[in-house]
Protein backbone atom coordinates (compact mmCIF):
# COMPACT_ATOMS: atom_id res chain seq x y z
CA MET A 1 85.89 107.21 115.78
CA HIS A 2 85.11 104.57 118.11
CA ASN A 3 84.59 101.85 115.71
CA LEU A 4 87.52 102.41 113.75
CA HIS A 5 89.63 102.19 117.70
CA GLU A 6 87.21 98.99 118.31
CA CYS A 7 88.13 97.63 114.87
CA ILE A 8 91.89 98.08 115.01
CA HIS A 9 91.43 96.81 119.16
CA ASP A 10 90.02 93.59 117.59
CA ALA A 11 91.90 93.01 114.60
CA THR A 12 95.09 92.93 117.19
CA ARG A 13 93.47 90.87 119.72
CA VAL A 14 92.30 88.49 116.92
CA GLY A 15 95.84 88.27 114.26
CA PHE A 16 98.09 89.11 117.29
CA GLY A 17 96.78 85.94 119.12
CA PHE A 18 99.51 83.55 117.87
CA LEU A 19 101.76 85.64 120.56
CA GLU A 20 99.71 84.24 122.68
CA LYS A 21 99.05 80.76 121.69
CA ASP A 22 102.51 79.90 120.07
CA TYR A 23 105.22 81.96 122.23
CA GLY A 24 103.61 82.66 125.79
CA PHE A 25 102.99 86.13 125.80
CA THR A 26 99.89 87.80 127.97
CA CYS A 27 98.28 91.02 126.89
CA ALA A 28 100.01 93.42 129.38
CA GLU A 29 98.22 96.87 127.96
CA ASP A 30 94.87 96.87 126.17
CA ASP A 31 93.55 100.88 125.66
CA CYS A 32 91.92 102.41 122.85
CA ASN A 33 95.36 103.63 121.41
CA ARG A 34 97.49 100.71 122.03
CA VAL A 35 97.92 96.69 122.45
CA ARG A 36 101.12 95.94 124.14
CA PHE A 37 102.04 91.78 124.58
CA ASP A 38 104.61 90.58 126.67
CA SER A 39 106.13 87.70 127.36
CA GLY A 40 108.57 88.72 129.70
CA ARG A 41 111.80 88.73 127.38
CA VAL A 42 110.12 90.18 124.35
CA PHE A 43 107.05 92.80 123.99
CA VAL A 44 105.58 93.75 120.96
CA GLN A 45 102.43 96.50 120.41
CA VAL A 46 100.37 97.85 118.31
CA VAL A 47 99.53 101.28 118.42
CA TYR A 48 97.24 103.55 117.03
CA ASP A 49 97.64 107.39 116.45
CA ALA A 50 94.23 108.70 116.49
CA THR A 51 94.61 112.42 117.21
CA ARG A 52 96.98 113.35 114.44
CA SER A 53 98.16 110.71 111.99
CA PHE A 54 96.24 108.20 111.97
CA GLU A 55 99.01 106.18 111.66
CA VAL A 56 99.12 102.25 112.55
CA THR A 57 102.60 101.11 113.77
CA VAL A 58 104.29 97.82 115.26
CA GLU A 59 106.84 98.16 117.93
CA MET A 60 108.94 95.32 119.36
CA GLY A 61 111.84 95.01 121.79
CA GLN A 62 113.25 94.04 124.75
CA PRO A 63 111.75 95.50 128.43
CA ASP A 64 115.25 95.35 129.94
CA CYS A 65 116.94 97.34 127.07
CA GLU A 66 117.87 101.34 126.63
CA GLY A 67 116.39 103.22 123.89
CA PRO A 68 113.27 102.84 121.85
CA PRO A 69 111.64 99.80 120.51
CA TYR A 70 112.14 98.68 116.94
CA ASN A 71 109.42 99.76 114.39
CA PHE A 72 108.07 97.14 111.61
CA ALA A 73 110.41 99.00 108.91
CA GLU A 74 113.22 97.47 111.18
CA PHE A 75 111.93 94.44 111.03
CA LEU A 76 111.28 93.82 107.85
CA ARG A 77 114.75 95.43 106.54
CA ALA A 78 116.76 93.16 109.16
CA PHE A 79 114.54 89.92 107.90
CA ALA A 80 114.82 90.82 104.71
CA VAL A 81 110.84 90.71 104.01
CA ALA A 82 111.17 93.04 100.85
CA ASP A 83 107.83 91.67 99.84
CA HIS A 84 106.32 93.76 102.94
CA LEU A 85 107.86 96.90 102.87
CA GLU A 86 104.66 98.76 102.48
CA LEU A 87 103.95 98.07 105.99
CA SER A 88 106.79 100.05 107.32
CA ALA A 89 104.42 102.86 107.35
CA VAL A 90 100.56 102.41 107.33
CA GLN A 91 98.02 105.20 108.01
CA ALA A 92 94.21 104.49 108.56
CA ALA A 93 91.07 106.35 108.95
CA ASP A 94 88.40 104.15 108.04
CA VAL A 95 87.61 99.95 109.36
CA VAL A 96 88.40 98.22 106.35
CA VAL A 97 92.24 99.76 105.82
CA ALA A 98 92.70 99.61 108.90
CA ARG A 99 91.52 95.77 109.89
CA LYS A 100 93.55 94.68 106.59
CA PHE A 101 96.84 96.31 107.86
CA VAL A 102 96.61 94.83 111.07
CA GLU A 103 95.63 91.82 109.86
CA ARG A 104 99.25 91.63 107.22
CA PHE A 105 101.00 93.34 110.17
CA ALA A 106 100.55 89.64 112.46
CA GLU A 107 100.82 87.61 109.39
CA VAL A 108 104.28 89.15 108.43
CA LEU A 109 105.44 89.14 112.06
CA GLN A 110 103.97 85.32 112.49
CA ARG A 111 105.82 84.02 109.00
CA HIS A 112 108.82 86.21 109.74
CA GLY A 113 109.82 86.90 113.24
CA THR A 114 110.00 83.56 115.06
CA ALA A 115 113.96 84.75 116.45
CA VAL A 116 112.49 87.52 117.70
CA MET A 117 109.16 86.23 119.66
CA ARG A 118 111.10 83.57 121.08
CA GLY A 119 113.80 85.77 122.43
CA ASP A 120 116.58 84.93 120.23
CA GLU A 121 119.71 87.16 121.16
CA GLU A 122 120.85 86.48 117.58
CA GLY A 123 117.35 88.39 116.08
CA PHE A 124 118.07 91.27 118.09
CA ARG A 125 121.57 91.51 116.90
CA LYS A 126 120.08 91.77 113.67
CA LEU A 127 117.32 94.46 114.61
CA GLN A 128 120.62 96.53 116.60
CA ALA A 129 122.77 95.84 113.10
CA GLN A 130 119.87 97.46 111.04
CA ARG A 131 118.87 100.25 113.22
CA ASN A 132 122.94 101.21 113.13
CA SER A 133 123.00 100.66 109.06
CA ASP A 134 120.19 103.04 109.29
CA CYS A 135 121.34 105.49 111.13
CA ASN A 136 124.82 105.29 109.41
CA ALA A 137 123.61 105.40 105.74
CA TYR A 138 120.86 108.94 107.33
CA GLU A 139 124.15 110.17 108.50
CA ARG A 140 126.09 110.14 105.20
CA GLU A 141 123.61 111.20 103.20
CA ARG A 142 123.56 114.32 105.87
CA ARG A 143 126.64 114.74 105.36
CA LEU A 144 126.47 114.26 101.71
CA GLU A 145 124.43 117.24 100.78
CA ARG A 146 125.99 119.21 103.54
CA GLY A 147 128.76 119.29 101.46
CA THR A 148 127.16 119.30 97.91
CA SER A 149 125.34 122.38 99.42
CA VAL A 150 128.54 124.23 100.74
CA ALA A 151 130.42 122.94 96.88
CA GLU A 152 127.67 124.41 95.07
CA ARG A 153 127.65 127.56 96.59
CA ALA A 154 131.61 127.65 96.69
CA TRP A 155 131.68 126.36 92.71
CA ASN A 156 129.27 129.53 91.70
CA ASP A 157 131.82 131.92 93.75
CA GLY A 158 134.57 130.65 91.90
CA ASP A 159 136.31 129.05 95.06
CA TYR A 160 137.57 125.76 93.37
CA GLY A 161 139.66 125.40 96.70
CA GLY A 162 136.03 125.79 99.08
CA VAL A 163 134.59 122.85 96.24
CA VAL A 164 137.49 120.67 97.22
CA ALA A 165 137.19 121.26 100.47
CA ALA A 166 133.42 120.22 100.63
CA LEU A 167 133.52 117.15 98.27
CA THR A 168 136.37 115.59 99.36
CA PRO A 169 135.56 114.25 102.71
CA VAL A 170 132.30 112.91 100.87
CA GLU A 171 133.97 111.86 97.76
CA GLY A 172 133.08 108.01 98.26
CA ASP A 173 129.64 108.64 97.88
CA LEU A 174 129.42 111.10 95.10
CA SER A 175 127.85 110.51 91.89
CA ALA A 176 129.93 110.21 89.02
CA ALA A 177 128.78 113.82 88.07
CA GLN A 178 130.08 115.12 91.11
CA ARG A 179 132.86 112.96 91.30
CA LYS A 180 133.84 114.98 88.03
CA LYS A 181 133.19 118.40 89.26
CA LEU A 182 135.59 117.77 91.96
CA GLU A 183 138.26 116.81 89.67
CA LEU A 184 137.62 119.53 87.57
CA ALA A 185 137.38 121.79 91.19
CA ARG A 186 141.15 120.33 92.04
CA LYS A 187 142.50 121.36 88.57
CA ARG A 188 141.18 124.58 89.00
CA SER A 189 142.52 124.80 92.38
CA LEU A 190 145.88 123.92 91.36
CA LEU A 191 145.57 126.62 88.46
CA ALA A 192 145.12 129.23 90.83
CA ASP A 193 147.71 128.52 93.17
């Protein structure tokens, strides 16, 4: 495992060296699980979880902002870097894979992250907008799952009013088949009244 830590550390210091050279970052933290670069306005950190998941992650943020740092998946989506979405969740348990992914993280960040690395407010607004969009989408998915689950039980019980009550709040997110089921439940509910 020690060689893997060294590999990730070395690949991070080399691959992310552009932060120091091009943007004036300094290496603020450097241990076996994390290398953090900081410019005073922006930080970028490469983290390796050697104890559980073997994930290699890249996070970025502004030191004075509340909340967790932005992860690489948010960065990729915010800046429409769709051809590298495989970098959103990386697990590396061997030296070759680890080095490859750390190098790819650095390459993609260098190519697409200028606004963030400079600390431009617009870049961080994009990241925050992406996080908000992700949270809203997640909440819509949860509401849809809850609504369809309740509706399914109500349908099986012949409670068509219950189906209508469960699905109406999520009607805009229903599939075509689910919308037909809702319409049928509305008709049957009216007939039962």
